[in-house]
Amino acid sequence: MNSDTLIQLAQKSLRVTLGATATFIETLQDPQQREANLAKLKTELSQLTENWEVRGESAEREARGFMDSLINQASSRVSQPNASSTVSTLSAPVSPAAQQDLQELTEQIAALRAEIEKLRAQDS
């Protein structure tokens, strides 16, 4: 048995399982269909297996498409930088008083951050 035949057999088995599962779920949900499916099962097992394979193939395609779209969305989010994270600045002369104010504000922010970290550490 070569590997292609083995792969095809495994794929057919997966599709039959998916199709049978979908049919089983529908059977549980609809009593009339349950009776019809039980009668079919008794007489047409071979045909049902083929139908389940077709249905499983369809379910596999849908699931693969869904997963591919999720992966593509995730990779596009990672590869595209967020426009709101880009900051443009223009350099302008700053007076010594403004520089002093900025320095004081920067020190206050650093002190607040340190205090927040200390409070977080105490809560943990």
Protein backbone atom coordinates (compact mmCIF):
# COMPACT_ATOMS: atom_id res chain seq x y z
CA MET A 1 0.00 0.00 0.00
CA ASN A 2 1.61 3.25 -1.08
CA SER A 3 1.45 6.49 0.90
CA ASP A 4 -0.99 8.18 -1.53
CA THR A 5 -3.51 5.38 -1.06
CA LEU A 6 -3.07 5.57 2.70
CA ILE A 7 -3.55 9.34 2.68
CA GLN A 8 -6.66 9.02 0.49
CA LEU A 9 -8.06 6.36 2.81
CA ALA A 10 -7.42 8.53 5.87
CA GLN A 11 -9.00 11.55 4.15
CA LYS A 12 -12.04 9.50 3.09
CA SER A 13 -12.39 8.20 6.65
CA LEU A 14 -12.24 11.73 8.03
CA ARG A 15 -14.86 12.93 5.56
CA VAL A 16 -17.15 9.97 6.27
CA THR A 17 -16.86 10.72 9.99
CA LEU A 18 -17.61 14.41 9.50
CA GLY A 19 -20.58 13.66 7.27
CA ALA A 20 -21.95 11.00 9.64
CA THR A 21 -21.59 13.38 12.56
CA ALA A 22 -23.45 16.15 10.73
CA THR A 23 -26.22 13.71 9.82
CA PHE A 24 -26.36 12.38 13.37
CA ILE A 25 -26.75 15.90 14.78
CA GLU A 26 -29.56 16.65 12.33
CA THR A 27 -31.19 13.33 13.26
CA LEU A 28 -31.15 14.23 16.94
CA GLN A 29 -32.75 17.59 16.22
CA ASP A 30 -35.60 16.35 13.99
CA PRO A 31 -37.70 13.30 15.05
CA GLN A 32 -39.20 12.79 11.58
CA GLN A 33 -35.79 12.82 9.98
CA ARG A 34 -34.59 10.42 12.68
CA GLU A 35 -37.09 7.77 11.57
CA ALA A 36 -36.27 8.31 7.89
CA ASN A 37 -32.53 8.08 8.55
CA LEU A 38 -32.88 4.89 10.61
CA ALA A 39 -34.82 3.26 7.77
CA LYS A 40 -32.15 4.38 5.28
CA LEU A 41 -29.40 3.10 7.52
CA LYS A 42 -30.86 -0.37 7.51
CA THR A 43 -31.04 -0.58 3.73
CA GLU A 44 -28.45 1.70 2.18
CA LEU A 45 -25.30 1.69 4.31
CA SER A 46 -22.96 1.77 1.32
CA GLN A 47 -24.76 4.70 -0.30
CA LEU A 48 -24.86 6.51 3.04
CA THR A 49 -21.12 6.11 3.40
CA GLU A 50 -20.62 7.81 0.05
CA ASN A 51 -23.07 10.58 0.98
CA TRP A 52 -21.29 11.09 4.29
CA GLU A 53 -17.99 11.36 2.49
CA VAL A 54 -19.35 14.08 0.18
CA ARG A 55 -20.85 15.90 3.13
CA GLY A 56 -17.65 15.51 5.11
CA GLU A 57 -15.65 16.90 2.20
CA SER A 58 -17.90 19.94 2.18
CA ALA A 59 -17.53 20.37 5.95
CA GLU A 60 -13.77 19.98 5.64
CA ARG A 61 -13.64 22.68 2.94
CA GLU A 62 -15.72 25.04 5.07
CA ALA A 63 -13.58 24.41 8.15
CA ARG A 64 -10.35 24.85 6.18
CA GLY A 65 -11.64 28.11 4.67
CA PHE A 66 -12.65 29.36 8.10
CA MET A 67 -9.27 28.49 9.61
CA ASP A 68 -7.42 30.03 6.66
CA SER A 69 -9.39 33.26 7.05
CA LEU A 70 -8.62 33.36 10.78
CA ILE A 71 -4.93 32.81 10.11
CA ASN A 72 -4.90 35.46 7.38
CA GLN A 73 -6.64 37.97 9.68
CA ALA A 74 -4.19 37.28 12.48
CA SER A 75 -1.16 37.55 10.22
CA SER A 76 -2.43 40.77 8.61
CA ARG A 77 -2.89 42.32 12.07
CA VAL A 78 0.67 41.40 12.98
CA SER A 79 2.23 42.51 9.69
CA GLN A 80 0.40 45.84 9.41
CA PRO A 81 1.50 48.43 11.96
CA ASN A 82 -1.23 50.34 13.70
CA ALA A 83 -1.52 53.86 12.24
CA SER A 84 -2.48 55.32 15.62
CA SER A 85 0.85 54.19 17.10
CA THR A 86 2.85 56.46 14.78
CA VAL A 87 3.70 59.86 16.25
CA SER A 88 5.10 62.75 14.26
CA THR A 89 6.89 65.55 16.06
CA LEU A 90 8.25 68.87 14.96
CA SER A 91 11.23 70.39 16.68
CA ALA A 92 10.73 73.91 17.98
CA PRO A 93 12.94 76.02 20.23
CA VAL A 94 11.99 75.69 23.90
CA SER A 95 12.69 78.37 26.49
CA PRO A 96 14.78 77.46 29.55
CA ALA A 97 11.74 78.01 31.80
CA ALA A 98 9.68 75.56 29.72
CA GLN A 99 12.56 73.06 29.83
CA GLN A 100 12.64 73.37 33.62
CA ASP A 101 8.84 72.83 33.80
CA LEU A 102 9.14 69.77 31.54
CA GLN A 103 11.92 68.38 33.72
CA GLU A 104 9.81 68.82 36.87
CA LEU A 105 6.78 67.23 35.25
CA THR A 106 8.90 64.31 34.03
CA GLU A 107 10.20 63.77 37.58
CA GLN A 108 6.64 63.89 38.96
CA ILE A 109 5.49 61.32 36.40
CA ALA A 110 8.43 59.06 37.30
CA ALA A 111 7.57 59.36 40.98
CA LEU A 112 3.90 58.54 40.28
CA ARG A 113 4.91 55.50 38.23
CA ALA A 114 7.17 54.28 41.02
CA GLU A 115 4.36 54.73 43.54
CA ILE A 116 1.91 52.83 41.30
CA GLU A 117 4.38 49.98 40.91
CA LYS A 118 4.91 49.87 44.67
CA LEU A 119 1.12 49.72 45.26
CA ARG A 120 0.76 46.98 42.66
CA ALA A 121 3.51 44.99 44.34
CA GLN A 122 1.75 45.35 47.69
CA ASP A 123 -1.56 44.15 46.23
CA SER A 124 0.05 41.04 44.72
